[in-house]
Structures are given as C-alpha cells and as structure tokens.
Amino acid sequence: MNWDRIEGNWKQVKGKMIEQWGKLTDDDLDVVAGRRDQLAGKIQERYGCAREEAEKQVAAWERRVSDDWFESSSHASKHMQRGSRH
C-alpha cells in the first residue's frame, strides 16, 4: 500500500496503528495526521528508539497492512461480484 492510501483512509488506519504501537495516543495520531515522517518521530519519542529503527518499524507495518488491506479488499470485491449475479 502506498502512503497516499494510508493518508486517504486515516481514520480507519489509526486503529491499526494503536494495535501495533500501544504507547501512541489518539492525540499523537491526530498530530501525525497521515504524515509518515511524523509517525516515525512519534514512535521514536514514545519508545525511545533510534529514528532509523522507527522508520524500519513503519515500513514493516506498512507492508503488513498493505497485504491485509489488499487481501480484504479483494475478498470484499469478489463477494460483491458474486452477490450482484443473483
């Protein structure tokens, strides 16, 4: 998933971020507001890790969410197509 899709679906994605990084707050994510660099900065701040580590975590999370997103989108699309045939 490219970051534009994450920004475009920010409200839905925020919950997944809190699942991944429980130390982040809703206020933190409101400040991040879909900006990847801000997310890495908040992770660095809350977890006390190096910037490089925070960016690696964001990249890994992004790949994982991308896989989940496309899988569920594909499943939903197939389900809708089947339903429209009846």
PDB file of N, CA and C in Angstrom:
ATOM      1  N   MET A   1       0.856  -1.167   0.000  1.00  0.00           N
ATOM      2  CA  MET A   1       0.000   0.000   0.000  1.00  0.00           C
ATOM      3  C   MET A   1       0.895   1.220   0.000  1.00  0.00           C
ATOM      4  N   ASN A   2       0.574   2.151  -0.863  1.00  0.00           N
ATOM      5  CA  ASN A   2       1.374   3.358  -0.811  1.00  0.00           C
ATOM      6  C   ASN A   2       0.822   4.276   0.275  1.00  0.00           C
ATOM      7  N   TRP A   3       1.646   5.189   0.677  1.00  0.00           N
ATOM      8  CA  TRP A   3       1.288   6.031   1.822  1.00  0.00           C
ATOM      9  C   TRP A   3       0.099   6.927   1.502  1.00  0.00           C
ATOM     10  N   ASP A   4      -0.142   7.248   0.245  1.00  0.00           N
ATOM     11  CA  ASP A   4      -1.306   8.057  -0.124  1.00  0.00           C
ATOM     12  C   ASP A   4      -2.602   7.365   0.286  1.00  0.00           C
ATOM     13  N   ARG A   5      -2.652   6.055   0.142  1.00  0.00           N
ATOM     14  CA  ARG A   5      -3.859   5.309   0.540  1.00  0.00           C
ATOM     15  C   ARG A   5      -4.024   5.319   2.047  1.00  0.00           C
ATOM     16  N   ILE A   6      -2.912   5.262   2.765  1.00  0.00           N
ATOM     17  CA  ILE A   6      -2.988   5.333   4.223  1.00  0.00           C
ATOM     18  C   ILE A   6      -3.531   6.696   4.633  1.00  0.00           C
ATOM     19  N   GLU A   7      -2.993   7.755   4.042  1.00  0.00           N
ATOM     20  CA  GLU A   7      -3.485   9.103   4.347  1.00  0.00           C
ATOM     21  C   GLU A   7      -4.970   9.232   4.025  1.00  0.00           C
ATOM     22  N   GLY A   8      -5.378   8.670   2.903  1.00  0.00           N
ATOM     23  CA  GLY A   8      -6.764   8.762   2.477  1.00  0.00           C
ATOM     24  C   GLY A   8      -7.731   7.989   3.351  1.00  0.00           C
ATOM     25  N   ASN A   9      -7.223   7.019   4.075  1.00  0.00           N
ATOM     26  CA  ASN A   9      -8.055   6.193   4.959  1.00  0.00           C
ATOM     27  C   ASN A   9      -7.599   6.339   6.410  1.00  0.00           C
ATOM     28  N   TRP A  10      -7.172   7.539   6.755  1.00  0.00           N
ATOM     29  CA  TRP A  10      -6.518   7.774   8.042  1.00  0.00           C
ATOM     30  C   TRP A  10      -7.353   7.309   9.228  1.00  0.00           C
ATOM     31  N   LYS A  11      -8.643   7.602   9.237  1.00  0.00           N
ATOM     32  CA  LYS A  11      -9.477   7.232  10.390  1.00  0.00           C
ATOM     33  C   LYS A  11      -9.512   5.722  10.589  1.00  0.00           C
ATOM     34  N   GLN A  12      -9.606   4.965   9.512  1.00  0.00           N
ATOM     35  CA  GLN A  12      -9.632   3.511   9.620  1.00  0.00           C
ATOM     36  C   GLN A  12      -8.271   2.963  10.032  1.00  0.00           C
ATOM     37  N   VAL A  13      -7.220   3.585   9.557  1.00  0.00           N
ATOM     38  CA  VAL A  13      -5.866   3.088   9.785  1.00  0.00           C
ATOM     39  C   VAL A  13      -5.381   3.384  11.203  1.00  0.00           C
ATOM     40  N   LYS A  14      -5.889   4.451  11.816  1.00  0.00           N
ATOM     41  CA  LYS A  14      -5.438   4.832  13.158  1.00  0.00           C
ATOM     42  C   LYS A  14      -5.587   3.683  14.154  1.00  0.00           C
ATOM     43  N   GLY A  15      -6.669   2.948  14.076  1.00  0.00           N
ATOM     44  CA  GLY A  15      -6.880   1.822  14.983  1.00  0.00           C
ATOM     45  C   GLY A  15      -5.814   0.755  14.828  1.00  0.00           C
ATOM     46  N   LYS A  16      -5.425   0.495  13.587  1.00  0.00           N
ATOM     47  CA  LYS A  16      -4.370  -0.490  13.336  1.00  0.00           C
ATOM     48  C   LYS A  16      -3.038  -0.015  13.892  1.00  0.00           C
ATOM     49  N   MET A  17      -2.806   1.290  13.842  1.00  0.00           N
ATOM     50  CA  MET A  17      -1.560   1.830  14.392  1.00  0.00           C
ATOM     51  C   MET A  17      -1.518   1.684  15.906  1.00  0.00           C
ATOM     52  N   ILE A  18      -2.642   1.930  16.547  1.00  0.00           N
ATOM     53  CA  ILE A  18      -2.685   1.793  18.009  1.00  0.00           C
ATOM     54  C   ILE A  18      -2.520   0.331  18.407  1.00  0.00           C
ATOM     55  N   GLU A  19      -3.044  -0.596  17.590  1.00  0.00           N
ATOM     56  CA  GLU A  19      -2.811  -2.021  17.856  1.00  0.00           C
ATOM     57  C   GLU A  19      -1.323  -2.339  17.791  1.00  0.00           C
ATOM     58  N   GLN A  20      -0.633  -1.757  16.826  1.00  0.00           N
ATOM     59  CA  GLN A  20       0.792  -2.015  16.632  1.00  0.00           C
ATOM     60  C   GLN A  20       1.640  -1.304  17.678  1.00  0.00           C
ATOM     61  N   TRP A  21       1.352  -0.044  17.909  1.00  0.00           N
ATOM     62  CA  TRP A  21       2.151   0.784  18.825  1.00  0.00           C
ATOM     63  C   TRP A  21       1.238   1.305  19.925  1.00  0.00           C
ATOM     64  N   GLY A  22       1.038   0.493  20.948  1.00  0.00           N
ATOM     65  CA  GLY A  22       0.106   0.808  22.024  1.00  0.00           C
ATOM     66  C   GLY A  22       0.445   2.045  22.832  1.00  0.00           C
ATOM     67  N   LYS A  23       1.691   2.493  22.769  1.00  0.00           N
ATOM     68  CA  LYS A  23       2.066   3.701  23.510  1.00  0.00           C
ATOM     69  C   LYS A  23       1.636   4.980  22.796  1.00  0.00           C
ATOM     70  N   LEU A  24       1.270   4.865  21.536  1.00  0.00           N
ATOM     71  CA  LEU A  24       0.777   6.038  20.819  1.00  0.00           C
ATOM     72  C   LEU A  24      -0.645   6.331  21.261  1.00  0.00           C
ATOM     73  N   THR A  25      -0.957   7.596  21.378  1.00  0.00           N
ATOM     74  CA  THR A  25      -2.295   8.011  21.797  1.00  0.00           C
ATOM     75  C   THR A  25      -3.075   8.538  20.593  1.00  0.00           C
ATOM     76  N   ASP A  26      -4.373   8.702  20.787  1.00  0.00           N
ATOM     77  CA  ASP A  26      -5.183   9.327  19.738  1.00  0.00           C
ATOM     78  C   ASP A  26      -4.662  10.727  19.429  1.00  0.00           C
ATOM     79  N   ASP A  27      -4.252  11.446  20.470  1.00  0.00           N
ATOM     80  CA  ASP A  27      -3.698  12.788  20.258  1.00  0.00           C
ATOM     81  C   ASP A  27      -2.428  12.731  19.411  1.00  0.00           C
ATOM     82  N   ASP A  28      -1.562  11.742  19.690  1.00  0.00           N
ATOM     83  CA  ASP A  28      -0.350  11.570  18.877  1.00  0.00           C
ATOM     84  C   ASP A  28      -0.723  11.396  17.410  1.00  0.00           C
ATOM     85  N   LEU A  29      -1.696  10.533  17.165  1.00  0.00           N
ATOM     86  CA  LEU A  29      -2.065  10.227  15.784  1.00  0.00           C
ATOM     87  C   LEU A  29      -2.792  11.389  15.123  1.00  0.00           C
ATOM     88  N   ASP A  30      -3.472  12.209  15.923  1.00  0.00           N
ATOM     89  CA  ASP A  30      -4.066  13.427  15.366  1.00  0.00           C
ATOM     90  C   ASP A  30      -2.974  14.386  14.899  1.00  0.00           C
ATOM     91  N   VAL A  31      -1.882  14.457  15.658  1.00  0.00           N
ATOM     92  CA  VAL A  31      -0.744  15.298  15.273  1.00  0.00           C
ATOM     93  C   VAL A  31      -0.073  14.733  14.022  1.00  0.00           C
ATOM     94  N   VAL A  32       0.073  13.414  13.969  1.00  0.00           N
ATOM     95  CA  VAL A  32       0.692  12.757  12.810  1.00  0.00           C
ATOM     96  C   VAL A  32      -0.122  13.052  11.549  1.00  0.00           C
ATOM     97  N   ALA A  33      -1.431  12.932  11.661  1.00  0.00           N
ATOM     98  CA  ALA A  33      -2.363  13.281  10.576  1.00  0.00           C
ATOM     99  C   ALA A  33      -1.960  12.705   9.220  1.00  0.00           C
ATOM    100  N   GLY A  34      -1.505  11.457   9.225  1.00  0.00           N
ATOM    101  CA  GLY A  34      -1.195  10.780   7.968  1.00  0.00           C
ATOM    102  C   GLY A  34       0.203  10.997   7.438  1.00  0.00           C
ATOM    103  N   ARG A  35       1.009  11.772   8.125  1.00  0.00           N
ATOM    104  CA  ARG A  35       2.366  12.051   7.634  1.00  0.00           C
ATOM    105  C   ARG A  35       3.332  11.000   8.164  1.00  0.00           C
ATOM    106  N   ARG A  36       3.926  10.289   7.249  1.00  0.00           N
ATOM    107  CA  ARG A  36       4.808   9.160   7.583  1.00  0.00           C
ATOM    108  C   ARG A  36       5.978   9.588   8.463  1.00  0.00           C
ATOM    109  N   ASP A  37       6.608  10.704   8.127  1.00  0.00           N
ATOM    110  CA  ASP A  37       7.755  11.170   8.908  1.00  0.00           C
ATOM    111  C   ASP A  37       7.353  11.531  10.333  1.00  0.00           C
ATOM    112  N   GLN A  38       6.154  12.085  10.490  1.00  0.00           N
ATOM    113  CA  GLN A  38       5.659  12.420  11.825  1.00  0.00           C
ATOM    114  C   GLN A  38       5.382  11.153  12.635  1.00  0.00           C
ATOM    115  N   LEU A  39       4.878  10.114  11.974  1.00  0.00           N
ATOM    116  CA  LEU A  39       4.633   8.845  12.656  1.00  0.00           C
ATOM    117  C   LEU A  39       5.934   8.266  13.181  1.00  0.00           C
ATOM    118  N   ALA A  40       6.953   8.238  12.347  1.00  0.00           N
ATOM    119  CA  ALA A  40       8.257   7.725  12.785  1.00  0.00           C
ATOM    120  C   ALA A  40       8.782   8.543  13.959  1.00  0.00           C
ATOM    121  N   GLY A  41       8.591   9.846  13.914  1.00  0.00           N
ATOM    122  CA  GLY A  41       9.033  10.705  15.008  1.00  0.00           C
ATOM    123  C   GLY A  41       8.307  10.411  16.309  1.00  0.00           C
ATOM    124  N   LYS A  42       7.000  10.175  16.238  1.00  0.00           N
ATOM    125  CA  LYS A  42       6.223   9.857  17.446  1.00  0.00           C
ATOM    126  C   LYS A  42       6.623   8.497  18.010  1.00  0.00           C
ATOM    127  N   ILE A  43       6.891   7.536  17.137  1.00  0.00           N
ATOM    128  CA  ILE A  43       7.344   6.217  17.597  1.00  0.00           C
ATOM    129  C   ILE A  43       8.688   6.366  18.290  1.00  0.00           C
ATOM    130  N   GLN A  44       9.568   7.127  17.691  1.00  0.00           N
ATOM    131  CA  GLN A  44      10.884   7.379  18.284  1.00  0.00           C
ATOM    132  C   GLN A  44      10.722   8.017  19.662  1.00  0.00           C
ATOM    133  N   GLU A  45       9.850   8.989  19.763  1.00  0.00           N
ATOM    134  CA  GLU A  45       9.617   9.706  21.018  1.00  0.00           C
ATOM    135  C   GLU A  45       9.022   8.794  22.091  1.00  0.00           C
ATOM    136  N   ARG A  46       7.983   8.052  21.750  1.00  0.00           N
ATOM    137  CA  ARG A  46       7.277   7.223  22.742  1.00  0.00           C
ATOM    138  C   ARG A  46       8.069   5.991  23.166  1.00  0.00           C
ATOM    139  N   TYR A  47       8.830   5.421  22.241  1.00  0.00           N
ATOM    140  CA  TYR A  47       9.529   4.167  22.528  1.00  0.00           C
ATOM    141  C   TYR A  47      11.019   4.350  22.792  1.00  0.00           C
ATOM    142  N   GLY A  48      11.529   5.557  22.603  1.00  0.00           N
ATOM    143  CA  GLY A  48      12.937   5.821  22.882  1.00  0.00           C
ATOM    144  C   GLY A  48      13.898   5.081  21.971  1.00  0.00           C
ATOM    145  N   CYS A  49      13.486   4.848  20.741  1.00  0.00           N
ATOM    146  CA  CYS A  49      14.349   4.135  19.794  1.00  0.00           C
ATOM    147  C   CYS A  49      14.981   5.135  18.825  1.00  0.00           C
ATOM    148  N   ALA A  50      15.953   4.656  18.078  1.00  0.00           N
ATOM    149  CA  ALA A  50      16.608   5.490  17.069  1.00  0.00           C
ATOM    150  C   ALA A  50      15.640   5.764  15.922  1.00  0.00           C
ATOM    151  N   ARG A  51      15.842   6.862  15.246  1.00  0.00           N
ATOM    152  CA  ARG A  51      14.989   7.237  14.116  1.00  0.00           C
ATOM    153  C   ARG A  51      14.976   6.135  13.056  1.00  0.00           C
ATOM    154  N   GLU A  52      16.135   5.576  12.777  1.00  0.00           N
ATOM    155  CA  GLU A  52      16.233   4.511  11.774  1.00  0.00           C
ATOM    156  C   GLU A  52      15.366   3.314  12.162  1.00  0.00           C
ATOM    157  N   GLU A  53      15.390   2.943  13.437  1.00  0.00           N
ATOM    158  CA  GLU A  53      14.569   1.827  13.920  1.00  0.00           C
ATOM    159  C   GLU A  53      13.085   2.154  13.778  1.00  0.00           C
ATOM    160  N   ALA A  54      12.700   3.361  14.124  1.00  0.00           N
ATOM    161  CA  ALA A  54      11.299   3.771  13.999  1.00  0.00           C
ATOM    162  C   ALA A  54      10.855   3.699  12.539  1.00  0.00           C
ATOM    163  N   GLU A  55      11.702   4.142  11.640  1.00  0.00           N
ATOM    164  CA  GLU A  55      11.362   4.100  10.218  1.00  0.00           C
ATOM    165  C   GLU A  55      11.260   2.665   9.707  1.00  0.00           C
ATOM    166  N   LYS A  56      12.114   1.779  10.202  1.00  0.00           N
ATOM    167  CA  LYS A  56      12.026   0.355   9.835  1.00  0.00           C
ATOM    168  C   LYS A  56      10.705  -0.238  10.313  1.00  0.00           C
ATOM    169  N   GLN A  57      10.305   0.122  11.531  1.00  0.00           N
ATOM    170  CA  GLN A  57       9.038  -0.376  12.067  1.00  0.00           C
ATOM    171  C   GLN A  57       7.864   0.100  11.215  1.00  0.00           C
ATOM    172  N   VAL A  58       7.892   1.368  10.824  1.00  0.00           N
ATOM    173  CA  VAL A  58       6.820   1.915   9.989  1.00  0.00           C
ATOM    174  C   VAL A  58       6.779   1.186   8.646  1.00  0.00           C
ATOM    175  N   ALA A  59       7.934   0.955   8.043  1.00  0.00           N
ATOM    176  CA  ALA A  59       7.991   0.263   6.747  1.00  0.00           C
ATOM    177  C   ALA A  59       7.452  -1.161   6.860  1.00  0.00           C
ATOM    178  N   ALA A  60       7.824  -1.870   7.926  1.00  0.00           N
ATOM    179  CA  ALA A  60       7.340  -3.241   8.126  1.00  0.00           C
ATOM    180  C   ALA A  60       5.831  -3.242   8.346  1.00  0.00           C
ATOM    181  N   TRP A  61       5.350  -2.301   9.142  1.00  0.00           N
ATOM    182  CA  TRP A  61       3.914  -2.193   9.400  1.00  0.00           C
ATOM    183  C   TRP A  61       3.163  -1.878   8.107  1.00  0.00           C
ATOM    184  N   GLU A  62       3.725  -0.977   7.327  1.00  0.00           N
ATOM    185  CA  GLU A  62       3.101  -0.584   6.065  1.00  0.00           C
ATOM    186  C   GLU A  62       2.950  -1.784   5.131  1.00  0.00           C
ATOM    187  N   ARG A  63       3.980  -2.623   5.041  1.00  0.00           N
ATOM    188  CA  ARG A  63       3.899  -3.834   4.205  1.00  0.00           C
ATOM    189  C   ARG A  63       2.821  -4.779   4.723  1.00  0.00           C
ATOM    190  N   ARG A  64       2.774  -4.968   6.028  1.00  0.00           N
ATOM    191  CA  ARG A  64       1.803  -5.875   6.627  1.00  0.00           C
ATOM    192  C   ARG A  64       0.374  -5.371   6.408  1.00  0.00           C
ATOM    193  N   VAL A  65       0.156  -4.094   6.639  1.00  0.00           N
ATOM    194  CA  VAL A  65      -1.169  -3.518   6.434  1.00  0.00           C
ATOM    195  C   VAL A  65      -1.554  -3.587   4.964  1.00  0.00           C
ATOM    196  N   SER A  66      -0.584  -3.372   4.094  1.00  0.00           N
ATOM    197  CA  SER A  66      -0.831  -3.444   2.664  1.00  0.00           C
ATOM    198  C   SER A  66      -1.337  -4.827   2.283  1.00  0.00           C
ATOM    199  N   ASP A  67      -0.674  -5.863   2.776  1.00  0.00           N
ATOM    200  CA  ASP A  67      -1.094  -7.235   2.484  1.00  0.00           C
ATOM    201  C   ASP A  67      -2.506  -7.483   2.993  1.00  0.00           C
ATOM    202  N   ASP A  68      -2.783  -7.086   4.224  1.00  0.00           N
ATOM    203  CA  ASP A  68      -4.113  -7.267   4.810  1.00  0.00           C
ATOM    204  C   ASP A  68      -5.156  -6.478   4.031  1.00  0.00           C
ATOM    205  N   TRP A  69      -4.816  -5.249   3.690  1.00  0.00           N
ATOM    206  CA  TRP A  69      -5.751  -4.355   3.012  1.00  0.00           C
ATOM    207  C   TRP A  69      -6.142  -4.927   1.658  1.00  0.00           C
ATOM    208  N   PHE A  70      -5.133  -5.331   0.867  1.00  0.00           N
ATOM    209  CA  PHE A  70      -5.428  -5.842  -0.463  1.00  0.00           C
ATOM    210  C   PHE A  70      -6.155  -7.174  -0.396  1.00  0.00           C
ATOM    211  N   GLU A  71      -5.806  -8.007   0.577  1.00  0.00           N
ATOM    212  CA  GLU A  71      -6.486  -9.290   0.725  1.00  0.00           C
ATOM    213  C   GLU A  71      -7.953  -9.075   1.061  1.00  0.00           C
ATOM    214  N   SER A  72      -8.239  -8.217   2.027  1.00  0.00           N
ATOM    215  CA  SER A  72      -9.624  -7.988   2.426  1.00  0.00           C
ATOM    216  C   SER A  72     -10.385  -7.231   1.337  1.00  0.00           C
ATOM    217  N   SER A  73      -9.727  -6.308   0.639  1.00  0.00           N
ATOM    218  CA  SER A  73     -10.378  -5.592  -0.458  1.00  0.00           C
ATOM    219  C   SER A  73     -10.714  -6.549  -1.589  1.00  0.00           C
ATOM    220  N   SER A  74      -9.800  -7.457  -1.882  1.00  0.00           N
ATOM    221  CA  SER A  74     -10.027  -8.439  -2.927  1.00  0.00           C
ATOM    222  C   SER A  74     -11.180  -9.354  -2.549  1.00  0.00           C
ATOM    223  N   HIS A  75     -11.206  -9.799  -1.297  1.00  0.00           N
ATOM    224  CA  HIS A  75     -12.272 -10.671  -0.815  1.00  0.00           C
ATOM    225  C   HIS A  75     -13.615  -9.949  -0.888  1.00  0.00           C
ATOM    226  N   ALA A  76     -13.661  -8.716  -0.443  1.00  0.00           N
ATOM    227  CA  ALA A  76     -14.906  -7.951  -0.461  1.00  0.00           C
ATOM    228  C   ALA A  76     -15.375  -7.739  -1.896  1.00  0.00           C
ATOM    229  N   SER A  77     -14.448  -7.458  -2.787  1.00  0.00           N
ATOM    230  CA  SER A  77     -14.790  -7.241  -4.183  1.00  0.00           C
ATOM    231  C   SER A  77     -15.378  -8.506  -4.797  1.00  0.00           C
ATOM    232  N   LYS A  78     -14.759  -9.656  -4.527  1.00  0.00           N
ATOM    233  CA  LYS A  78     -15.270 -10.924  -5.052  1.00  0.00           C
ATOM    234  C   LYS A  78     -16.651 -11.219  -4.491  1.00  0.00           C
ATOM    235  N   HIS A  79     -16.840 -10.948  -3.204  1.00  0.00           N
ATOM    236  CA  HIS A  79     -18.124 -11.190  -2.559  1.00  0.00           C
ATOM    237  C   HIS A  79     -19.200 -10.308  -3.195  1.00  0.00           C
ATOM    238  N   MET A  80     -18.883  -9.059  -3.448  1.00  0.00           N
ATOM    239  CA  MET A  80     -19.846  -8.146  -4.051  1.00  0.00           C
ATOM    240  C   MET A  80     -20.172  -8.584  -5.471  1.00  0.00           C
ATOM    241  N   GLN A  81     -19.176  -9.080  -6.213  1.00  0.00           N
ATOM    242  CA  GLN A  81     -19.420  -9.533  -7.575  1.00  0.00           C
ATOM    243  C   GLN A  81     -20.347 -10.736  -7.571  1.00  0.00           C
ATOM    244  N   ARG A  82     -20.127 -11.658  -6.650  1.00  0.00           N
ATOM    245  CA  ARG A  82     -20.992 -12.837  -6.560  1.00  0.00           C
ATOM    246  C   ARG A  82     -22.416 -12.426  -6.223  1.00  0.00           C
ATOM    247  N   GLY A  83     -22.551 -11.494  -5.296  1.00  0.00           N
ATOM    248  CA  GLY A  83     -23.869 -11.043  -4.874  1.00  0.00           C
ATOM    249  C   GLY A  83     -24.627 -10.353  -5.987  1.00  0.00           C
ATOM    250  N   SER A  84     -23.924  -9.686  -6.860  1.00  0.00           N
ATOM    251  CA  SER A  84     -24.594  -8.951  -7.932  1.00  0.00           C
ATOM    252  C   SER A  84     -25.067  -9.878  -9.045  1.00  0.00           C
ATOM    253  N   ARG A  85     -24.600 -11.115  -9.060  1.00  0.00           N
ATOM    254  CA  ARG A  85     -25.005 -12.063 -10.107  1.00  0.00           C
ATOM    255  C   ARG A  85     -26.366 -12.677  -9.822  1.00  0.00           C
ATOM    256  N   HIS A  86     -26.810 -12.604  -8.593  1.00  0.00           N
ATOM    257  CA  HIS A  86     -28.079 -13.254  -8.242  1.00  0.00           C
ATOM    258  C   HIS A  86     -29.256 -12.453  -8.664  1.00  0.00           C
TER     259      HIS A  86
END
